[in-house]
PDB file of N, CA and C in Angstrom:
ATOM      1  N   MET A   1      -3.668  -9.217  13.864  1.00  0.00           N
ATOM      2  CA  MET A   1      -3.066  -8.405  13.116  1.00  0.00           C
ATOM      3  C   MET A   1      -2.662  -7.189  13.404  1.00  0.00           C
ATOM      4  N   LYS A   2      -1.344  -7.052  12.796  1.00  0.00           N
ATOM      5  CA  LYS A   2      -0.662  -5.734  13.546  1.00  0.00           C
ATOM      6  C   LYS A   2      -1.744  -4.493  13.055  1.00  0.00           C
ATOM      7  N   LYS A   3      -2.017  -2.931  13.802  1.00  0.00           N
ATOM      8  CA  LYS A   3      -2.386  -2.104  13.718  1.00  0.00           C
ATOM      9  C   LYS A   3      -0.938  -1.027  13.681  1.00  0.00           C
ATOM     10  N   HIS A   4      -1.178  -0.052  12.064  1.00  0.00           N
ATOM     11  CA  HIS A   4      -0.294   0.485  12.472  1.00  0.00           C
ATOM     12  C   HIS A   4      -0.524   1.686  12.583  1.00  0.00           C
ATOM     13  N   ARG A   5      -0.041   2.014  14.082  1.00  0.00           N
ATOM     14  CA  ARG A   5      -0.582   3.453  14.401  1.00  0.00           C
ATOM     15  C   ARG A   5      -0.095   4.692  13.486  1.00  0.00           C
ATOM     16  N   GLY A   6      -0.615   5.693  13.526  1.00  0.00           N
ATOM     17  CA  GLY A   6      -0.669   7.043  12.670  1.00  0.00           C
ATOM     18  C   GLY A   6      -0.085   6.729  11.176  1.00  0.00           C
ATOM     19  N   PHE A   7      -0.236   5.463  10.816  1.00  0.00           N
ATOM     20  CA  PHE A   7      -0.354   4.878   9.200  1.00  0.00           C
ATOM     21  C   PHE A   7      -2.257   6.113   8.778  1.00  0.00           C
ATOM     22  N   PRO A   8      -1.939   6.765   7.967  1.00  0.00           N
ATOM     23  CA  PRO A   8      -2.905   7.591   7.121  1.00  0.00           C
ATOM     24  C   PRO A   8      -4.138   6.167   6.787  1.00  0.00           C
ATOM     25  N   SER A   9      -5.353   6.363   7.169  1.00  0.00           N
ATOM     26  CA  SER A   9      -6.237   5.484   6.932  1.00  0.00           C
ATOM     27  C   SER A   9      -7.139   5.774   5.902  1.00  0.00           C
ATOM     28  N   ARG A  10      -7.198   7.206   5.172  1.00  0.00           N
ATOM     29  CA  ARG A  10      -7.558   6.931   3.334  1.00  0.00           C
ATOM     30  C   ARG A  10      -6.645   8.115   3.485  1.00  0.00           C
ATOM     31  N   MET A  11      -7.030   8.248   1.950  1.00  0.00           N
ATOM     32  CA  MET A  11      -6.799   9.767   1.340  1.00  0.00           C
ATOM     33  C   MET A  11      -7.883  10.642   1.476  1.00  0.00           C
ATOM     34  N   PRO A  12      -7.160  11.902   1.951  1.00  0.00           N
ATOM     35  CA  PRO A  12      -8.566  12.790   2.686  1.00  0.00           C
ATOM     36  C   PRO A  12      -8.840  13.380   1.266  1.00  0.00           C
ATOM     37  N   GLY A  13     -10.211  13.207   1.556  1.00  0.00           N
ATOM     38  CA  GLY A  13     -11.158  13.619   0.183  1.00  0.00           C
ATOM     39  C   GLY A  13     -11.659  12.640  -0.568  1.00  0.00           C
ATOM     40  N   SER A  14     -11.047  11.649  -0.230  1.00  0.00           N
ATOM     41  CA  SER A  14     -11.682  10.441  -1.418  1.00  0.00           C
ATOM     42  C   SER A  14     -12.238   9.710  -0.751  1.00  0.00           C
ATOM     43  N   ASP A  15     -12.442   8.217  -0.938  1.00  0.00           N
ATOM     44  CA  ASP A  15     -12.848   6.944  -0.354  1.00  0.00           C
ATOM     45  C   ASP A  15     -12.040   5.912   0.040  1.00  0.00           C
ATOM     46  N   TYR A  16     -10.982   6.755  -0.957  1.00  0.00           N
ATOM     47  CA  TYR A  16      -9.629   5.478  -0.939  1.00  0.00           C
ATOM     48  C   TYR A  16      -9.074   5.349   0.703  1.00  0.00           C
ATOM     49  N   HIS A  17      -9.096   4.176   0.975  1.00  0.00           N
ATOM     50  CA  HIS A  17      -8.585   3.114   2.038  1.00  0.00           C
ATOM     51  C   HIS A  17      -7.586   3.159   1.749  1.00  0.00           C
ATOM     52  N   PHE A  18      -6.770   3.224   3.065  1.00  0.00           N
ATOM     53  CA  PHE A  18      -5.589   2.440   3.295  1.00  0.00           C
ATOM     54  C   PHE A  18      -5.244   2.075   4.284  1.00  0.00           C
ATOM     55  N   THR A  19      -6.058   1.702   5.124  1.00  0.00           N
ATOM     56  CA  THR A  19      -6.166   0.782   6.225  1.00  0.00           C
ATOM     57  C   THR A  19      -7.616   0.266   6.719  1.00  0.00           C
ATOM     58  N   LEU A  20      -7.479  -0.597   7.365  1.00  0.00           N
ATOM     59  CA  LEU A  20      -8.552  -1.701   7.966  1.00  0.00           C
ATOM     60  C   LEU A  20      -9.251  -1.244   9.136  1.00  0.00           C
ATOM     61  N   ARG A  21     -10.545  -1.350   9.524  1.00  0.00           N
ATOM     62  CA  ARG A  21     -10.528  -0.961  11.105  1.00  0.00           C
ATOM     63  C   ARG A  21     -10.464  -2.662  12.097  1.00  0.00           C
ATOM     64  N   ARG A  22     -10.568  -3.209  11.249  1.00  0.00           N
ATOM     65  CA  ARG A  22     -10.895  -4.171  12.580  1.00  0.00           C
ATOM     66  C   ARG A  22     -10.291  -5.851  11.444  1.00  0.00           C
ATOM     67  N   GLU A  23      -9.760  -6.641  12.297  1.00  0.00           N
ATOM     68  CA  GLU A  23      -9.562  -7.924  11.649  1.00  0.00           C
ATOM     69  C   GLU A  23     -10.795  -8.597  10.579  1.00  0.00           C
ATOM     70  N   ASN A  24     -10.585  -9.459   9.986  1.00  0.00           N
ATOM     71  CA  ASN A  24     -11.548 -10.083   9.076  1.00  0.00           C
ATOM     72  C   ASN A  24     -11.532 -11.480   9.805  1.00  0.00           C
ATOM     73  N   LYS A  25     -12.870 -11.992  10.885  1.00  0.00           N
ATOM     74  CA  LYS A  25     -12.765 -12.919  11.843  1.00  0.00           C
ATOM     75  C   LYS A  25     -13.079 -14.509  10.389  1.00  0.00           C
ATOM     76  N   ALA A  26     -13.556 -13.563   9.338  1.00  0.00           N
ATOM     77  CA  ALA A  26     -13.548 -14.895   7.940  1.00  0.00           C
ATOM     78  C   ALA A  26     -12.258 -15.315   7.687  1.00  0.00           C
ATOM     79  N   GLY A  27     -10.764 -14.571   8.204  1.00  0.00           N
ATOM     80  CA  GLY A  27      -9.624 -14.728   7.491  1.00  0.00           C
ATOM     81  C   GLY A  27      -9.255 -13.010   6.435  1.00  0.00           C
ATOM     82  N   ALA A  28      -8.154 -12.959   6.394  1.00  0.00           N
ATOM     83  CA  ALA A  28      -7.442 -11.733   5.261  1.00  0.00           C
ATOM     84  C   ALA A  28      -8.201 -11.783   4.201  1.00  0.00           C
ATOM     85  N   THR A  29      -8.617 -11.017   3.145  1.00  0.00           N
ATOM     86  CA  THR A  29      -9.060 -10.955   1.919  1.00  0.00           C
ATOM     87  C   THR A  29      -6.911 -11.337   1.378  1.00  0.00           C
ATOM     88  N   PRO A  30      -7.172 -12.219   0.446  1.00  0.00           N
ATOM     89  CA  PRO A  30      -5.787 -12.464   0.092  1.00  0.00           C
ATOM     90  C   PRO A  30      -5.635 -11.029  -0.931  1.00  0.00           C
ATOM     91  N   LEU A  31      -4.219 -11.085  -1.025  1.00  0.00           N
ATOM     92  CA  LEU A  31      -3.177 -10.304  -1.994  1.00  0.00           C
ATOM     93  C   LEU A  31      -3.261 -11.036  -3.046  1.00  0.00           C
ATOM     94  N   VAL A  32      -3.475 -10.226  -4.118  1.00  0.00           N
ATOM     95  CA  VAL A  32      -3.379 -10.874  -5.247  1.00  0.00           C
ATOM     96  C   VAL A  32      -2.513  -9.916  -6.374  1.00  0.00           C
ATOM     97  N   ALA A  33      -1.015  -9.456  -7.480  1.00  0.00           N
ATOM     98  CA  ALA A  33      -1.084  -8.484  -8.178  1.00  0.00           C
ATOM     99  C   ALA A  33      -1.873  -8.585  -8.846  1.00  0.00           C
ATOM    100  N   ARG A  34      -2.000  -7.201  -9.075  1.00  0.00           N
ATOM    101  CA  ARG A  34      -3.230  -7.003  -9.707  1.00  0.00           C
ATOM    102  C   ARG A  34      -2.380  -6.128 -10.996  1.00  0.00           C
ATOM    103  N   GLU A  35      -3.095  -6.236 -12.514  1.00  0.00           N
ATOM    104  CA  GLU A  35      -2.055  -5.334 -13.325  1.00  0.00           C
ATOM    105  C   GLU A  35      -2.929  -3.865 -13.162  1.00  0.00           C
ATOM    106  N   ARG A  36      -1.858  -3.193 -13.423  1.00  0.00           N
ATOM    107  CA  ARG A  36      -2.420  -1.385 -13.788  1.00  0.00           C
ATOM    108  C   ARG A  36      -2.142  -0.954 -15.347  1.00  0.00           C
ATOM    109  N   TYR A  37      -3.426  -0.901 -15.507  1.00  0.00           N
ATOM    110  CA  TYR A  37      -3.052  -0.352 -17.216  1.00  0.00           C
ATOM    111  C   TYR A  37      -2.831   1.171 -17.214  1.00  0.00           C
ATOM    112  N   ALA A  38      -2.455   1.480 -18.403  1.00  0.00           N
ATOM    113  CA  ALA A  38      -2.410   2.856 -19.169  1.00  0.00           C
ATOM    114  C   ALA A  38      -3.734   3.423 -18.327  1.00  0.00           C
ATOM    115  N   ASP A  39      -4.992   3.063 -19.047  1.00  0.00           N
ATOM    116  CA  ASP A  39      -5.694   3.658 -18.806  1.00  0.00           C
ATOM    117  C   ASP A  39      -7.008   4.080 -17.853  1.00  0.00           C
ATOM    118  N   ARG A  40      -5.993   3.450 -16.626  1.00  0.00           N
ATOM    119  CA  ARG A  40      -6.308   3.572 -14.815  1.00  0.00           C
ATOM    120  C   ARG A  40      -6.956   5.643 -14.936  1.00  0.00           C
ATOM    121  N   ARG A  41      -8.269   5.490 -13.965  1.00  0.00           N
ATOM    122  CA  ARG A  41      -8.630   7.224 -14.123  1.00  0.00           C
ATOM    123  C   ARG A  41      -7.413   7.321 -13.375  1.00  0.00           C
ATOM    124  N   PRO A  42      -7.472   8.702 -13.590  1.00  0.00           N
ATOM    125  CA  PRO A  42      -6.335   9.909 -12.771  1.00  0.00           C
ATOM    126  C   PRO A  42      -5.799   9.779 -11.436  1.00  0.00           C
ATOM    127  N   ALA A  43      -7.692   9.975 -10.389  1.00  0.00           N
ATOM    128  CA  ALA A  43      -7.563   9.468  -9.020  1.00  0.00           C
ATOM    129  C   ALA A  43      -7.131   8.188  -8.818  1.00  0.00           C
ATOM    130  N   ASP A  44      -7.440   7.133  -9.718  1.00  0.00           N
ATOM    131  CA  ASP A  44      -7.247   5.877  -8.981  1.00  0.00           C
ATOM    132  C   ASP A  44      -5.324   5.593  -8.687  1.00  0.00           C
ATOM    133  N   ARG A  45      -4.751   6.585  -9.622  1.00  0.00           N
ATOM    134  CA  ARG A  45      -2.959   7.098 -10.336  1.00  0.00           C
ATOM    135  C   ARG A  45      -2.958   7.675  -8.921  1.00  0.00           C
ATOM    136  N   ARG A  46      -4.185   8.559  -8.489  1.00  0.00           N
ATOM    137  CA  ARG A  46      -3.619   9.803  -7.577  1.00  0.00           C
ATOM    138  C   ARG A  46      -3.522   8.691  -6.108  1.00  0.00           C
ATOM    139  N   ALA A  47      -4.290   7.848  -6.171  1.00  0.00           N
ATOM    140  CA  ALA A  47      -4.572   7.060  -4.647  1.00  0.00           C
ATOM    141  C   ALA A  47      -3.122   6.142  -4.630  1.00  0.00           C
ATOM    142  N   ASP A  48      -2.926   5.553  -5.721  1.00  0.00           N
ATOM    143  CA  ASP A  48      -1.525   4.744  -6.108  1.00  0.00           C
ATOM    144  C   ASP A  48      -0.340   5.423  -5.540  1.00  0.00           C
ATOM    145  N   ALA A  49      -0.403   6.825  -5.780  1.00  0.00           N
ATOM    146  CA  ALA A  49       0.772   7.534  -5.069  1.00  0.00           C
ATOM    147  C   ALA A  49       1.173   8.102  -3.878  1.00  0.00           C
ATOM    148  N   ALA A  50      -0.100   7.926  -3.539  1.00  0.00           N
ATOM    149  CA  ALA A  50      -0.255   8.579  -2.408  1.00  0.00           C
ATOM    150  C   ALA A  50       0.159   7.423  -1.260  1.00  0.00           C
ATOM    151  N   PHE A  51      -0.862   6.227  -1.444  1.00  0.00           N
ATOM    152  CA  PHE A  51       0.058   5.078  -0.823  1.00  0.00           C
ATOM    153  C   PHE A  51       1.147   4.642  -0.604  1.00  0.00           C
ATOM    154  N   VAL A  52       1.823   4.955  -2.196  1.00  0.00           N
ATOM    155  CA  VAL A  52       3.311   4.732  -1.991  1.00  0.00           C
ATOM    156  C   VAL A  52       3.881   5.617  -1.127  1.00  0.00           C
ATOM    157  N   GLU A  53       3.229   6.909  -1.106  1.00  0.00           N
ATOM    158  CA  GLU A  53       4.217   8.107   0.195  1.00  0.00           C
ATOM    159  C   GLU A  53       3.980   7.468   1.170  1.00  0.00           C
ATOM    160  N   ALA A  54       2.482   7.275   1.263  1.00  0.00           N
ATOM    161  CA  ALA A  54       1.892   6.342   2.736  1.00  0.00           C
ATOM    162  C   ALA A  54       3.243   5.710   3.140  1.00  0.00           C
ATOM    163  N   LEU A  55       3.344   4.901   2.659  1.00  0.00           N
ATOM    164  CA  LEU A  55       4.313   3.504   2.832  1.00  0.00           C
ATOM    165  C   LEU A  55       5.576   4.300   3.030  1.00  0.00           C
ATOM    166  N   TRP A  56       6.124   4.892   2.488  1.00  0.00           N
ATOM    167  CA  TRP A  56       7.893   5.481   2.514  1.00  0.00           C
ATOM    168  C   TRP A  56       7.711   6.138   3.294  1.00  0.00           C
ATOM    169  N   LEU A  57       6.899   7.130   3.672  1.00  0.00           N
ATOM    170  CA  LEU A  57       6.896   7.815   5.174  1.00  0.00           C
ATOM    171  C   LEU A  57       7.228   7.243   6.474  1.00  0.00           C
ATOM    172  N   TYR A  58       6.020   5.784   6.343  1.00  0.00           N
ATOM    173  CA  TYR A  58       5.847   5.178   7.677  1.00  0.00           C
ATOM    174  C   TYR A  58       6.614   4.363   7.655  1.00  0.00           C
ATOM    175  N   PHE A  59       6.973   3.015   6.821  1.00  0.00           N
ATOM    176  CA  PHE A  59       8.715   2.729   6.499  1.00  0.00           C
ATOM    177  C   PHE A  59       9.089   2.031   5.643  1.00  0.00           C
ATOM    178  N   GLY A  60       9.782   3.467   5.255  1.00  0.00           N
ATOM    179  CA  GLY A  60      10.975   3.404   4.266  1.00  0.00           C
ATOM    180  C   GLY A  60      11.459   2.359   3.714  1.00  0.00           C
ATOM    181  N   ASP A  61      12.339   1.872   3.388  1.00  0.00           N
ATOM    182  CA  ASP A  61      12.838   0.603   2.987  1.00  0.00           C
ATOM    183  C   ASP A  61      13.085  -0.208   4.111  1.00  0.00           C
ATOM    184  N   ALA A  62      12.078  -0.201   5.171  1.00  0.00           N
ATOM    185  CA  ALA A  62      12.035  -1.474   6.400  1.00  0.00           C
ATOM    186  C   ALA A  62      11.199  -2.685   5.909  1.00  0.00           C
ATOM    187  N   PRO A  63      11.481  -3.559   6.028  1.00  0.00           N
ATOM    188  CA  PRO A  63      10.360  -4.859   5.705  1.00  0.00           C
ATOM    189  C   PRO A  63       9.057  -4.005   6.929  1.00  0.00           C
ATOM    190  N   PHE A  64       8.294  -4.463   7.018  1.00  0.00           N
ATOM    191  CA  PHE A  64       6.679  -4.490   7.469  1.00  0.00           C
ATOM    192  C   PHE A  64       5.782  -5.591   7.515  1.00  0.00           C
ATOM    193  N   GLU A  65       5.240  -5.532   8.607  1.00  0.00           N
ATOM    194  CA  GLU A  65       3.836  -6.526   8.291  1.00  0.00           C
ATOM    195  C   GLU A  65       2.842  -6.047   7.589  1.00  0.00           C
ATOM    196  N   ARG A  66       1.990  -7.311   7.277  1.00  0.00           N
ATOM    197  CA  ARG A  66       0.542  -6.774   6.433  1.00  0.00           C
ATOM    198  C   ARG A  66      -0.240  -5.666   7.419  1.00  0.00           C
ATOM    199  N   GLY A  67      -0.432  -6.559   8.414  1.00  0.00           N
ATOM    200  CA  GLY A  67      -1.266  -6.137   9.167  1.00  0.00           C
ATOM    201  C   GLY A  67      -2.579  -5.440   8.767  1.00  0.00           C
ATOM    202  N   ASN A  68      -2.901  -3.945   9.514  1.00  0.00           N
ATOM    203  CA  ASN A  68      -3.662  -3.418   8.518  1.00  0.00           C
ATOM    204  C   ASN A  68      -3.782  -2.586   7.686  1.00  0.00           C
ATOM    205  N   LEU A  69      -2.932  -3.282   7.061  1.00  0.00           N
ATOM    206  CA  LEU A  69      -3.118  -2.144   5.894  1.00  0.00           C
ATOM    207  C   LEU A  69      -4.459  -3.090   4.622  1.00  0.00           C
ATOM    208  N   ASP A  70      -5.135  -1.762   3.735  1.00  0.00           N
ATOM    209  CA  ASP A  70      -5.507  -2.661   3.115  1.00  0.00           C
ATOM    210  C   ASP A  70      -5.544  -3.321   1.794  1.00  0.00           C
ATOM    211  N   ALA A  71      -5.752  -4.782   1.786  1.00  0.00           N
ATOM    212  CA  ALA A  71      -5.833  -5.864   0.840  1.00  0.00           C
ATOM    213  C   ALA A  71      -5.687  -4.840  -0.845  1.00  0.00           C
ATOM    214  N   GLY A  72      -6.883  -4.372  -0.612  1.00  0.00           N
ATOM    215  CA  GLY A  72      -6.899  -3.781  -2.425  1.00  0.00           C
ATOM    216  C   GLY A  72      -6.091  -3.060  -2.760  1.00  0.00           C
ATOM    217  N   ARG A  73      -5.813  -1.991  -2.013  1.00  0.00           N
ATOM    218  CA  ARG A  73      -4.626  -1.094  -2.295  1.00  0.00           C
ATOM    219  C   ARG A  73      -2.922  -1.893  -2.260  1.00  0.00           C
ATOM    220  N   LEU A  74      -3.313  -2.745  -1.415  1.00  0.00           N
ATOM    221  CA  LEU A  74      -1.422  -3.759  -1.508  1.00  0.00           C
ATOM    222  C   LEU A  74      -1.825  -4.224  -2.807  1.00  0.00           C
ATOM    223  N   SER A  75      -2.612  -4.569  -3.070  1.00  0.00           N
ATOM    224  CA  SER A  75      -2.807  -5.403  -4.219  1.00  0.00           C
ATOM    225  C   SER A  75      -2.254  -5.067  -5.875  1.00  0.00           C
ATOM    226  N   TRP A  76      -2.900  -3.787  -5.838  1.00  0.00           N
ATOM    227  CA  TRP A  76      -1.759  -3.137  -7.006  1.00  0.00           C
ATOM    228  C   TRP A  76      -1.035  -2.546  -7.203  1.00  0.00           C
ATOM    229  N   LEU A  77       0.198  -3.243  -5.879  1.00  0.00           N
ATOM    230  CA  LEU A  77       1.695  -2.489  -6.010  1.00  0.00           C
ATOM    231  C   LEU A  77       2.359  -3.755  -6.159  1.00  0.00           C
ATOM    232  N   LEU A  78       1.415  -4.891  -5.942  1.00  0.00           N
ATOM    233  CA  LEU A  78       2.189  -5.939  -5.529  1.00  0.00           C
ATOM    234  C   LEU A  78       3.345  -6.548  -6.406  1.00  0.00           C
ATOM    235  N   GLY A  79       3.841  -7.006  -6.162  1.00  0.00           N
ATOM    236  CA  GLY A  79       4.964  -7.688  -7.110  1.00  0.00           C
ATOM    237  C   GLY A  79       5.747  -6.621  -8.111  1.00  0.00           C
ATOM    238  N   ARG A  80       5.786  -5.715  -7.729  1.00  0.00           N
ATOM    239  CA  ARG A  80       6.503  -4.400  -8.246  1.00  0.00           C
ATOM    240  C   ARG A  80       7.237  -3.457  -7.362  1.00  0.00           C
ATOM    241  N   GLU A  81       6.014  -2.625  -7.088  1.00  0.00           N
ATOM    242  CA  GLU A  81       6.408  -1.314  -5.840  1.00  0.00           C
ATOM    243  C   GLU A  81       7.227  -2.062  -4.565  1.00  0.00           C
ATOM    244  N   VAL A  82       5.633  -3.287  -4.117  1.00  0.00           N
ATOM    245  CA  VAL A  82       5.843  -4.154  -3.224  1.00  0.00           C
ATOM    246  C   VAL A  82       5.987  -5.776  -2.913  1.00  0.00           C
ATOM    247  N   VAL A  83       6.827  -5.579  -2.586  1.00  0.00           N
ATOM    248  CA  VAL A  83       7.425  -7.310  -3.197  1.00  0.00           C
ATOM    249  C   VAL A  83       7.574  -7.997  -1.233  1.00  0.00           C
ATOM    250  N   THR A  84       7.323  -9.323  -1.856  1.00  0.00           N
ATOM    251  CA  THR A  84       6.857 -10.001  -0.639  1.00  0.00           C
ATOM    252  C   THR A  84       8.516 -10.454  -0.128  1.00  0.00           C
ATOM    253  N   LEU A  85       8.462 -11.176   1.242  1.00  0.00           N
ATOM    254  CA  LEU A  85      10.012 -11.202   1.465  1.00  0.00           C
ATOM    255  C   LEU A  85       9.790 -13.180   2.545  1.00  0.00           C
ATOM    256  N   ASP A  86       7.866 -13.614   2.571  1.00  0.00           N
ATOM    257  CA  ASP A  86       8.183 -14.589   3.294  1.00  0.00           C
ATOM    258  C   ASP A  86       8.023 -15.503   1.672  1.00  0.00           C
ATOM    259  N   ASP A  87       9.044 -16.801   2.449  1.00  0.00           N
ATOM    260  CA  ASP A  87       8.680 -18.032   1.156  1.00  0.00           C
ATOM    261  C   ASP A  87       8.568 -19.401   2.096  1.00  0.00           C
ATOM    262  N   PRO A  88       7.975 -19.856   2.079  1.00  0.00           N
ATOM    263  CA  PRO A  88       6.349 -19.343   0.862  1.00  0.00           C
ATOM    264  C   PRO A  88       5.476 -18.343   1.770  1.00  0.00           C
ATOM    265  N   PHE A  89       4.661 -17.450   0.470  1.00  0.00           N
ATOM    266  CA  PHE A  89       4.318 -16.519   0.711  1.00  0.00           C
ATOM    267  C   PHE A  89       2.534 -16.628   0.907  1.00  0.00           C
ATOM    268  N   ASP A  90       1.864 -16.331   2.322  1.00  0.00           N
ATOM    269  CA  ASP A  90       0.694 -16.742   2.211  1.00  0.00           C
ATOM    270  C   ASP A  90       0.056 -15.446   1.907  1.00  0.00           C
ATOM    271  N   PRO A  91      -0.457 -15.592   1.212  1.00  0.00           N
ATOM    272  CA  PRO A  91      -1.535 -13.941   0.449  1.00  0.00           C
ATOM    273  C   PRO A  91      -2.263 -13.455   2.181  1.00  0.00           C
ATOM    274  N   THR A  92      -2.720 -14.762   2.367  1.00  0.00           N
ATOM    275  CA  THR A  92      -3.987 -14.692   3.343  1.00  0.00           C
ATOM    276  C   THR A  92      -3.443 -14.283   4.649  1.00  0.00           C
ATOM    277  N   ASP A  93      -2.076 -14.312   5.118  1.00  0.00           N
ATOM    278  CA  ASP A  93      -1.490 -14.218   6.039  1.00  0.00           C
ATOM    279  C   ASP A  93      -1.232 -12.263   6.649  1.00  0.00           C
ATOM    280  N   TYR A  94      -2.380 -11.797   7.635  1.00  0.00           N
ATOM    281  CA  TYR A  94      -1.987 -10.650   8.602  1.00  0.00           C
ATOM    282  C   TYR A  94      -1.159 -10.741   9.403  1.00  0.00           C
ATOM    283  N   GLY A  95       0.141 -11.654   9.500  1.00  0.00           N
ATOM    284  CA  GLY A  95       1.619 -11.276   9.887  1.00  0.00           C
ATOM    285  C   GLY A  95       2.391 -11.378   8.307  1.00  0.00           C
ATOM    286  N   ALA A  96       2.147 -11.575   7.084  1.00  0.00           N
ATOM    287  CA  ALA A  96       2.791 -11.769   5.650  1.00  0.00           C
ATOM    288  C   ALA A  96       3.700  -9.993   5.788  1.00  0.00           C
ATOM    289  N   LEU A  97       5.105 -10.622   5.810  1.00  0.00           N
ATOM    290  CA  LEU A  97       6.097  -9.823   5.369  1.00  0.00           C
ATOM    291  C   LEU A  97       6.070  -9.210   4.303  1.00  0.00           C
ATOM    292  N   LEU A  98       6.437  -7.582   3.922  1.00  0.00           N
ATOM    293  CA  LEU A  98       6.281  -6.616   2.883  1.00  0.00           C
ATOM    294  C   LEU A  98       7.537  -6.293   2.607  1.00  0.00           C
ATOM    295  N   GLN A  99       7.797  -5.555   1.770  1.00  0.00           N
ATOM    296  CA  GLN A  99       9.327  -4.849   1.576  1.00  0.00           C
ATOM    297  C   GLN A  99       8.579  -3.111   0.374  1.00  0.00           C
ATOM    298  N   LEU A 100       9.036  -2.059   0.947  1.00  0.00           N
ATOM    299  CA  LEU A 100       8.497  -1.469  -0.323  1.00  0.00           C
ATOM    300  C   LEU A 100      10.102  -1.529  -1.092  1.00  0.00           C
ATOM    301  N   ASP A 101      10.021  -1.898  -2.496  1.00  0.00           N
ATOM    302  CA  ASP A 101      11.364  -2.183  -3.414  1.00  0.00           C
ATOM    303  C   ASP A 101      11.349   0.024  -3.927  1.00  0.00           C
ATOM    304  N   VAL A 102      12.413   0.148  -3.027  1.00  0.00           N
ATOM    305  CA  VAL A 102      12.284   2.012  -3.124  1.00  0.00           C
ATOM    306  C   VAL A 102      12.673   1.852  -4.961  1.00  0.00           C
ATOM    307  N   ALA A 103      13.462   1.600  -5.423  1.00  0.00           N
ATOM    308  CA  ALA A 103      13.667   1.832  -6.912  1.00  0.00           C
ATOM    309  C   ALA A 103      12.338   1.891  -7.753  1.00  0.00           C
ATOM    310  N   ARG A 104      12.042   0.901  -8.344  1.00  0.00           N
ATOM    311  CA  ARG A 104      10.767   0.717  -8.544  1.00  0.00           C
ATOM    312  C   ARG A 104       9.566   1.519  -8.265  1.00  0.00           C
ATOM    313  N   ALA A 105       9.512   1.718  -6.779  1.00  0.00           N
ATOM    314  CA  ALA A 105       8.392   2.964  -6.253  1.00  0.00           C
ATOM    315  C   ALA A 105       8.963   4.232  -7.114  1.00  0.00           C
ATOM    316  N   ARG A 106      10.284   4.812  -6.932  1.00  0.00           N
ATOM    317  CA  ARG A 106      10.392   6.037  -7.350  1.00  0.00           C
ATOM    318  C   ARG A 106       9.786   6.252  -8.851  1.00  0.00           C
ATOM    319  N   ALA A 107      10.655   5.220  -9.880  1.00  0.00           N
ATOM    320  CA  ALA A 107      10.199   4.959 -10.928  1.00  0.00           C
ATOM    321  C   ALA A 107       8.566   5.624 -11.248  1.00  0.00           C
ATOM    322  N   ALA A 108       8.195   4.696 -10.600  1.00  0.00           N
ATOM    323  CA  ALA A 108       6.332   4.219 -11.055  1.00  0.00           C
ATOM    324  C   ALA A 108       5.770   5.500 -10.117  1.00  0.00           C
ATOM    325  N   PHE A 109       6.303   6.240  -9.591  1.00  0.00           N
ATOM    326  CA  PHE A 109       5.250   7.292  -8.711  1.00  0.00           C
ATOM    327  C   PHE A 109       6.554   8.123  -8.367  1.00  0.00           C
ATOM    328  N   PRO A 110       7.763   8.648  -9.186  1.00  0.00           N
ATOM    329  CA  PRO A 110       8.459   9.560  -8.427  1.00  0.00           C
ATOM    330  C   PRO A 110       7.596  11.113  -8.158  1.00  0.00           C
ATOM    331  N   GLU A 111       6.375  11.309  -8.267  1.00  0.00           N
ATOM    332  CA  GLU A 111       5.777  12.555  -7.425  1.00  0.00           C
ATOM    333  C   GLU A 111       5.235  11.732  -5.690  1.00  0.00           C
ATOM    334  N   ALA A 112       5.687  11.034  -5.123  1.00  0.00           N
ATOM    335  CA  ALA A 112       5.508  10.160  -4.032  1.00  0.00           C
ATOM    336  C   ALA A 112       6.691  10.440  -3.180  1.00  0.00           C
ATOM    337  N   PHE A 113       7.733  10.936  -3.815  1.00  0.00           N
ATOM    338  CA  PHE A 113       8.630  10.779  -3.029  1.00  0.00           C
ATOM    339  C   PHE A 113       9.055  12.609  -3.138  1.00  0.00           C
ATOM    340  N   ASP A 114       8.558  13.359  -3.932  1.00  0.00           N
ATOM    341  CA  ASP A 114       9.460  14.603  -3.499  1.00  0.00           C
ATOM    342  C   ASP A 114       8.653  15.576  -2.216  1.00  0.00           C
ATOM    343  N   GLY A 115       8.373  14.862  -1.502  1.00  0.00           N
ATOM    344  CA  GLY A 115       7.816  15.534  -0.092  1.00  0.00           C
ATOM    345  C   GLY A 115       7.378  16.791   0.014  1.00  0.00           C
ATOM    346  N   THR A 116       6.155  16.357  -0.818  1.00  0.00           N
ATOM    347  CA  THR A 116       5.280  17.063  -0.567  1.00  0.00           C
ATOM    348  C   THR A 116       3.881  16.540  -0.023  1.00  0.00           C
ATOM    349  N   GLY A 117       3.263  15.244   0.742  1.00  0.00           N
ATOM    350  CA  GLY A 117       2.780  15.520   1.027  1.00  0.00           C
ATOM    351  C   GLY A 117       1.478  14.892   0.870  1.00  0.00           C
ATOM    352  N   HIS A 118       1.231  14.078  -0.870  1.00  0.00           N
ATOM    353  CA  HIS A 118       0.420  13.984  -0.821  1.00  0.00           C
ATOM    354  C   HIS A 118      -0.484  13.391  -0.601  1.00  0.00           C
ATOM    355  N   TRP A 119      -0.441  12.542   0.586  1.00  0.00           N
ATOM    356  CA  TRP A 119      -1.476  12.151   1.245  1.00  0.00           C
ATOM    357  C   TRP A 119      -2.317  12.554   1.992  1.00  0.00           C
ATOM    358  N   GLU A 120      -1.671  13.956   2.299  1.00  0.00           N
ATOM    359  CA  GLU A 120      -2.697  14.511   3.240  1.00  0.00           C
ATOM    360  C   GLU A 120      -3.458  15.109   2.734  1.00  0.00           C
ATOM    361  N   GLY A 121      -2.784  15.611   1.420  1.00  0.00           N
ATOM    362  CA  GLY A 121      -3.825  16.803   0.979  1.00  0.00           C
ATOM    363  C   GLY A 121      -5.243  16.298  -0.261  1.00  0.00           C
ATOM    364  N   SER A 122      -5.844  16.602  -0.540  1.00  0.00           N
ATOM    365  CA  SER A 122      -6.837  16.455  -1.318  1.00  0.00           C
ATOM    366  C   SER A 122      -6.833  15.940  -2.755  1.00  0.00           C
ATOM    367  N   ALA A 123      -7.970  14.782  -2.549  1.00  0.00           N
ATOM    368  CA  ALA A 123      -7.395  13.943  -4.020  1.00  0.00           C
ATOM    369  C   ALA A 123      -7.973  14.755  -5.148  1.00  0.00           C
TER     370      ALA A 123
END
């Protein structure tokens, strides 16, 4: 499992984790595209925006390995703001290649691209 050194481990002031500490010996938690409904809690929306911002600042529009990125947090974005590059895609592979769809991410989370460092602030 690739560890993304320097990537924020969580959103400060919250329990929203962005990375894993160690590989799951039983296998990686599968990535599944989760539906985001309009009535999600504001804290959940802030965590999504902070995670998108961290992806943008760390990877930009370059492809990246899933590695130690949190499966739950990625699953909220999968198929929309984060797209898969592997064909066929293995949702349980730590080495799966992903990429931030910048246009869709900017449309969904404009605050993540305004340069204010949301993931560095409080929840």
